[in-house]
Amino acid sequence: MRTIHGIDVHGVDVDAETRCAHYDTERDVIAIRFPCCDEYYPCFRCHDAVAEHPRETWPEDERDTEAVLCGVCGAELTIAEYLDSGSQCPDCDAEFNPACANHYELYFDG
């Protein structure tokens, strides 16, 4: 576990901007809070490796929930803000990895 901008982020080899052992490019700078445990993880693989329970996805009707952490500035984005961000933090303009969209179904229903 590592504290980033005052928020605990769990995972494997998490760096100061939420990169992890599984995803560590310059743009891998978000963590997602999982609804099953209310804890932030950089990715689904980190959750699977560290959490002692099965992961759950966010229901579509909870898109207004703050569940995405920008590892660059510490902004907590709602799921809707993140999904509509164009792979860029709306607060600090840091670029997010657009390939994360390939895994949305592992985090978000709908």
N, C-alpha and C. Protein backbone atom coordinates (compact mmCIF):
# COMPACT_ATOMS: atom_id res chain seq x y z
N MET A 1 0.84 -1.17 0.00
CA MET A 1 0.00 0.00 0.00
C MET A 1 0.89 1.24 0.00
N ARG A 2 0.44 2.25 -0.72
CA ARG A 2 1.15 3.51 -0.78
C ARG A 2 0.14 4.64 -0.65
N THR A 3 0.48 5.67 0.07
CA THR A 3 -0.39 6.83 0.21
C THR A 3 -0.02 7.84 -0.87
N ILE A 4 -1.02 8.19 -1.70
CA ILE A 4 -0.81 9.11 -2.81
C ILE A 4 -1.81 10.24 -2.67
N HIS A 5 -1.31 11.46 -2.52
CA HIS A 5 -2.17 12.63 -2.33
C HIS A 5 -3.15 12.39 -1.17
N GLY A 6 -2.65 11.72 -0.11
CA GLY A 6 -3.46 11.49 1.08
C GLY A 6 -4.42 10.32 0.99
N ILE A 7 -4.38 9.57 -0.12
CA ILE A 7 -5.29 8.45 -0.33
C ILE A 7 -4.49 7.16 -0.41
N ASP A 8 -4.91 6.15 0.32
CA ASP A 8 -4.23 4.85 0.28
C ASP A 8 -4.57 4.13 -1.02
N VAL A 9 -3.52 3.71 -1.72
CA VAL A 9 -3.67 2.95 -2.96
C VAL A 9 -2.97 1.61 -2.75
N HIS A 10 -3.71 0.54 -2.91
CA HIS A 10 -3.21 -0.81 -2.68
C HIS A 10 -2.78 -1.41 -4.01
N GLY A 11 -1.82 -2.33 -3.97
CA GLY A 11 -1.40 -2.98 -5.21
C GLY A 11 0.01 -3.53 -5.12
N VAL A 12 0.55 -3.83 -6.29
CA VAL A 12 1.87 -4.43 -6.40
C VAL A 12 2.84 -3.39 -6.96
N ASP A 13 3.86 -3.03 -6.18
CA ASP A 13 4.88 -2.07 -6.60
C ASP A 13 4.27 -0.75 -7.09
N VAL A 14 3.38 -0.18 -6.31
CA VAL A 14 2.71 1.07 -6.66
C VAL A 14 3.70 2.23 -6.49
N ASP A 15 3.79 3.08 -7.54
CA ASP A 15 4.68 4.23 -7.44
C ASP A 15 3.92 5.48 -6.99
N ALA A 16 4.59 6.61 -6.96
CA ALA A 16 4.01 7.84 -6.42
C ALA A 16 2.88 8.42 -7.26
N GLU A 17 2.68 7.93 -8.50
CA GLU A 17 1.60 8.42 -9.35
C GLU A 17 0.64 7.31 -9.76
N THR A 18 0.61 6.23 -9.02
CA THR A 18 -0.31 5.08 -9.15
C THR A 18 0.09 4.05 -10.20
N ARG A 19 1.26 4.19 -10.83
CA ARG A 19 1.69 3.10 -11.72
C ARG A 19 1.95 1.87 -10.86
N CYS A 20 1.89 0.70 -11.50
CA CYS A 20 2.07 -0.54 -10.74
C CYS A 20 2.93 -1.53 -11.52
N ALA A 21 3.10 -2.70 -10.96
CA ALA A 21 3.91 -3.74 -11.61
C ALA A 21 3.28 -4.20 -12.92
N HIS A 22 1.97 -4.01 -13.08
CA HIS A 22 1.27 -4.50 -14.27
C HIS A 22 1.17 -3.46 -15.38
N TYR A 23 1.02 -2.21 -14.98
CA TYR A 23 0.85 -1.10 -15.93
C TYR A 23 1.72 0.06 -15.46
N ASP A 24 2.78 0.36 -16.22
CA ASP A 24 3.72 1.37 -15.73
C ASP A 24 4.24 2.31 -16.81
N THR A 25 3.38 2.63 -17.78
CA THR A 25 3.80 3.63 -18.77
C THR A 25 3.62 5.02 -18.18
N GLU A 26 4.11 6.01 -18.88
CA GLU A 26 4.00 7.39 -18.42
C GLU A 26 2.55 7.80 -18.19
N ARG A 27 1.62 7.22 -18.95
CA ARG A 27 0.21 7.61 -18.86
C ARG A 27 -0.63 6.71 -17.94
N ASP A 28 -0.02 5.73 -17.29
CA ASP A 28 -0.75 4.88 -16.35
C ASP A 28 -0.78 5.54 -14.98
N VAL A 29 -1.62 6.57 -14.87
CA VAL A 29 -1.61 7.41 -13.67
C VAL A 29 -2.99 7.56 -13.05
N ILE A 30 -3.77 6.49 -13.04
CA ILE A 30 -5.04 6.51 -12.31
C ILE A 30 -5.11 5.29 -11.40
N ALA A 31 -5.93 5.41 -10.39
CA ALA A 31 -6.30 4.27 -9.56
C ALA A 31 -7.82 4.27 -9.48
N ILE A 32 -8.40 3.10 -9.38
CA ILE A 32 -9.85 2.96 -9.33
C ILE A 32 -10.26 2.37 -7.99
N ARG A 33 -11.26 3.01 -7.39
CA ARG A 33 -11.81 2.50 -6.13
C ARG A 33 -12.83 1.42 -6.48
N PHE A 34 -12.62 0.24 -5.91
CA PHE A 34 -13.51 -0.88 -6.20
C PHE A 34 -14.69 -0.88 -5.23
N PRO A 35 -15.90 -1.12 -5.72
CA PRO A 35 -17.08 -1.06 -4.86
C PRO A 35 -17.15 -2.18 -3.83
N CYS A 36 -16.46 -3.27 -4.08
CA CYS A 36 -16.51 -4.42 -3.17
C CYS A 36 -15.80 -4.15 -1.85
N CYS A 37 -14.81 -3.26 -1.87
CA CYS A 37 -14.01 -3.04 -0.67
C CYS A 37 -13.78 -1.57 -0.35
N ASP A 38 -14.22 -0.69 -1.24
CA ASP A 38 -14.04 0.75 -1.05
C ASP A 38 -12.57 1.14 -0.95
N GLU A 39 -11.72 0.41 -1.66
CA GLU A 39 -10.27 0.66 -1.67
C GLU A 39 -9.81 0.95 -3.09
N TYR A 40 -8.81 1.82 -3.20
CA TYR A 40 -8.23 2.14 -4.50
C TYR A 40 -7.13 1.15 -4.87
N TYR A 41 -7.11 0.77 -6.16
CA TYR A 41 -6.08 -0.07 -6.75
C TYR A 41 -5.74 0.50 -8.11
N PRO A 42 -4.46 0.40 -8.55
CA PRO A 42 -4.11 0.89 -9.88
C PRO A 42 -4.77 0.11 -11.01
N CYS A 43 -5.07 -1.18 -10.77
CA CYS A 43 -5.64 -1.99 -11.84
C CYS A 43 -6.31 -3.24 -11.27
N PHE A 44 -7.04 -3.92 -12.13
CA PHE A 44 -7.74 -5.14 -11.70
C PHE A 44 -6.77 -6.22 -11.29
N ARG A 45 -5.61 -6.26 -11.92
CA ARG A 45 -4.61 -7.29 -11.57
C ARG A 45 -4.07 -7.06 -10.15
N CYS A 46 -3.87 -5.80 -9.79
CA CYS A 46 -3.44 -5.50 -8.42
C CYS A 46 -4.51 -5.92 -7.41
N HIS A 47 -5.77 -5.63 -7.72
CA HIS A 47 -6.85 -6.05 -6.82
C HIS A 47 -6.83 -7.57 -6.67
N ASP A 48 -6.72 -8.29 -7.78
CA ASP A 48 -6.73 -9.75 -7.73
C ASP A 48 -5.55 -10.29 -6.93
N ALA A 49 -4.40 -9.60 -7.00
CA ALA A 49 -3.20 -10.08 -6.32
C ALA A 49 -3.20 -9.80 -4.83
N VAL A 50 -3.83 -8.70 -4.42
CA VAL A 50 -3.70 -8.24 -3.04
C VAL A 50 -4.97 -8.43 -2.20
N ALA A 51 -6.12 -8.19 -2.81
CA ALA A 51 -7.37 -8.29 -2.05
C ALA A 51 -7.71 -9.76 -1.77
N GLU A 52 -8.35 -9.98 -0.68
CA GLU A 52 -8.70 -11.35 -0.29
C GLU A 52 -10.18 -11.63 -0.55
N HIS A 53 -10.69 -11.08 -1.64
CA HIS A 53 -12.08 -11.27 -2.04
C HIS A 53 -12.19 -11.05 -3.55
N PRO A 54 -13.25 -11.54 -4.16
CA PRO A 54 -13.43 -11.31 -5.60
C PRO A 54 -13.76 -9.84 -5.87
N ARG A 55 -13.28 -9.34 -6.99
CA ARG A 55 -13.58 -7.95 -7.33
C ARG A 55 -15.00 -7.83 -7.87
N GLU A 56 -15.55 -6.64 -7.70
CA GLU A 56 -16.87 -6.31 -8.23
C GLU A 56 -16.74 -5.09 -9.12
N THR A 57 -17.70 -4.91 -10.03
CA THR A 57 -17.73 -3.76 -10.91
C THR A 57 -18.75 -2.74 -10.41
N TRP A 58 -18.56 -1.49 -10.85
CA TRP A 58 -19.49 -0.43 -10.47
C TRP A 58 -20.76 -0.54 -11.29
N PRO A 59 -21.93 -0.53 -10.65
CA PRO A 59 -23.20 -0.54 -11.39
C PRO A 59 -23.34 0.73 -12.23
N GLU A 60 -24.02 0.60 -13.34
CA GLU A 60 -24.18 1.74 -14.24
C GLU A 60 -24.89 2.92 -13.58
N ASP A 61 -25.76 2.65 -12.61
CA ASP A 61 -26.50 3.74 -11.96
C ASP A 61 -25.68 4.47 -10.89
N GLU A 62 -24.40 4.15 -10.77
CA GLU A 62 -23.53 4.83 -9.80
C GLU A 62 -22.43 5.64 -10.48
N ARG A 63 -22.69 6.10 -11.69
CA ARG A 63 -21.69 6.85 -12.45
C ARG A 63 -21.35 8.20 -11.80
N ASP A 64 -22.16 8.68 -10.86
CA ASP A 64 -21.87 9.94 -10.18
C ASP A 64 -20.99 9.74 -8.94
N THR A 65 -20.53 8.53 -8.72
CA THR A 65 -19.69 8.22 -7.57
C THR A 65 -18.23 8.55 -7.87
N GLU A 66 -17.56 9.22 -6.93
CA GLU A 66 -16.13 9.47 -7.08
C GLU A 66 -15.41 8.15 -6.87
N ALA A 67 -14.75 7.66 -7.92
CA ALA A 67 -14.11 6.35 -7.83
C ALA A 67 -12.83 6.25 -8.64
N VAL A 68 -12.36 7.37 -9.20
CA VAL A 68 -11.14 7.35 -9.99
C VAL A 68 -10.21 8.45 -9.46
N LEU A 69 -8.99 8.06 -9.14
CA LEU A 69 -7.99 8.97 -8.60
C LEU A 69 -6.95 9.30 -9.66
N CYS A 70 -6.74 10.58 -9.91
CA CYS A 70 -5.63 10.99 -10.78
C CYS A 70 -4.36 10.95 -9.93
N GLY A 71 -3.42 10.13 -10.33
CA GLY A 71 -2.18 10.01 -9.59
C GLY A 71 -1.26 11.20 -9.73
N VAL A 72 -1.51 12.05 -10.70
CA VAL A 72 -0.67 13.23 -10.91
C VAL A 72 -1.06 14.36 -9.96
N CYS A 73 -2.36 14.70 -9.91
CA CYS A 73 -2.79 15.84 -9.10
C CYS A 73 -3.61 15.46 -7.87
N GLY A 74 -4.10 14.23 -7.79
CA GLY A 74 -4.90 13.81 -6.65
C GLY A 74 -6.39 14.06 -6.78
N ALA A 75 -6.83 14.54 -7.94
CA ALA A 75 -8.26 14.76 -8.13
C ALA A 75 -8.99 13.42 -8.07
N GLU A 76 -10.14 13.43 -7.39
CA GLU A 76 -11.02 12.25 -7.39
C GLU A 76 -12.15 12.54 -8.36
N LEU A 77 -12.21 11.75 -9.42
CA LEU A 77 -13.20 11.94 -10.47
C LEU A 77 -14.36 11.00 -10.27
N THR A 78 -15.54 11.46 -10.67
CA THR A 78 -16.66 10.53 -10.71
C THR A 78 -16.41 9.58 -11.88
N ILE A 79 -17.10 8.48 -11.86
CA ILE A 79 -16.96 7.51 -12.95
C ILE A 79 -17.34 8.18 -14.26
N ALA A 80 -18.42 8.95 -14.27
CA ALA A 80 -18.85 9.64 -15.49
C ALA A 80 -17.79 10.62 -15.97
N GLU A 81 -17.20 11.39 -15.06
CA GLU A 81 -16.14 12.32 -15.46
C GLU A 81 -14.97 11.58 -16.10
N TYR A 82 -14.59 10.47 -15.50
CA TYR A 82 -13.48 9.69 -16.05
C TYR A 82 -13.82 9.13 -17.42
N LEU A 83 -14.99 8.53 -17.56
CA LEU A 83 -15.37 7.92 -18.83
C LEU A 83 -15.51 8.97 -19.94
N ASP A 84 -15.86 10.19 -19.56
CA ASP A 84 -16.03 11.27 -20.54
C ASP A 84 -14.80 12.16 -20.68
N SER A 85 -13.69 11.78 -20.05
CA SER A 85 -12.52 12.66 -19.96
C SER A 85 -11.68 12.75 -21.23
N GLY A 86 -11.90 11.85 -22.17
CA GLY A 86 -11.03 11.85 -23.35
C GLY A 86 -9.61 11.46 -23.00
N SER A 87 -9.46 10.62 -21.97
CA SER A 87 -8.15 10.14 -21.51
C SER A 87 -7.24 11.28 -21.05
N GLN A 88 -7.85 12.26 -20.34
CA GLN A 88 -7.08 13.38 -19.82
C GLN A 88 -7.75 13.87 -18.54
N CYS A 89 -6.96 14.15 -17.53
CA CYS A 89 -7.53 14.64 -16.27
C CYS A 89 -8.17 16.01 -16.49
N PRO A 90 -9.44 16.16 -16.10
CA PRO A 90 -10.09 17.47 -16.26
C PRO A 90 -9.54 18.53 -15.32
N ASP A 91 -8.82 18.12 -14.28
CA ASP A 91 -8.27 19.09 -13.32
C ASP A 91 -6.86 19.56 -13.68
N CYS A 92 -5.98 18.63 -14.07
CA CYS A 92 -4.57 19.00 -14.31
C CYS A 92 -4.11 18.74 -15.74
N ASP A 93 -4.96 18.18 -16.57
CA ASP A 93 -4.64 17.88 -17.98
C ASP A 93 -3.62 16.75 -18.17
N ALA A 94 -3.32 16.01 -17.11
CA ALA A 94 -2.43 14.85 -17.28
C ALA A 94 -3.09 13.87 -18.23
N GLU A 95 -2.29 13.26 -19.08
CA GLU A 95 -2.82 12.27 -20.01
C GLU A 95 -2.96 10.93 -19.33
N PHE A 96 -4.14 10.30 -19.54
CA PHE A 96 -4.39 8.95 -19.07
C PHE A 96 -4.18 7.99 -20.23
N ASN A 97 -3.92 6.75 -19.92
CA ASN A 97 -3.70 5.75 -20.96
C ASN A 97 -5.01 5.42 -21.67
N PRO A 98 -5.13 5.74 -22.96
CA PRO A 98 -6.38 5.45 -23.66
C PRO A 98 -6.66 3.95 -23.80
N ALA A 99 -5.64 3.12 -23.68
CA ALA A 99 -5.83 1.67 -23.76
C ALA A 99 -6.59 1.12 -22.56
N CYS A 100 -6.73 1.91 -21.50
CA CYS A 100 -7.52 1.47 -20.35
C CYS A 100 -8.97 1.19 -20.76
N ALA A 101 -9.42 1.85 -21.81
CA ALA A 101 -10.79 1.63 -22.30
C ALA A 101 -11.01 0.17 -22.68
N ASN A 102 -9.95 -0.54 -23.03
CA ASN A 102 -10.07 -1.96 -23.38
C ASN A 102 -10.49 -2.82 -22.19
N HIS A 103 -10.40 -2.27 -20.98
CA HIS A 103 -10.71 -3.02 -19.76
C HIS A 103 -11.87 -2.44 -18.98
N TYR A 104 -12.60 -1.49 -19.53
CA TYR A 104 -13.67 -0.85 -18.77
C TYR A 104 -14.66 -1.85 -18.19
N GLU A 105 -14.93 -2.94 -18.92
CA GLU A 105 -15.93 -3.90 -18.43
C GLU A 105 -15.47 -4.61 -17.16
N LEU A 106 -14.18 -4.53 -16.84
CA LEU A 106 -13.67 -5.13 -15.61
C LEU A 106 -13.89 -4.22 -14.39
N TYR A 107 -14.25 -2.97 -14.68
CA TYR A 107 -14.45 -1.98 -13.63
C TYR A 107 -15.88 -1.44 -13.55
N PHE A 108 -16.49 -1.28 -14.73
CA PHE A 108 -17.77 -0.57 -14.83
C PHE A 108 -18.78 -1.39 -15.60
N ASP A 109 -20.00 -1.52 -15.05
CA ASP A 109 -21.10 -2.17 -15.79
C ASP A 109 -21.59 -1.23 -16.88
N GLY A 110 -22.24 -1.83 -17.87
CA GLY A 110 -22.87 -1.04 -18.91
C GLY A 110 -21.96 -0.81 -20.04
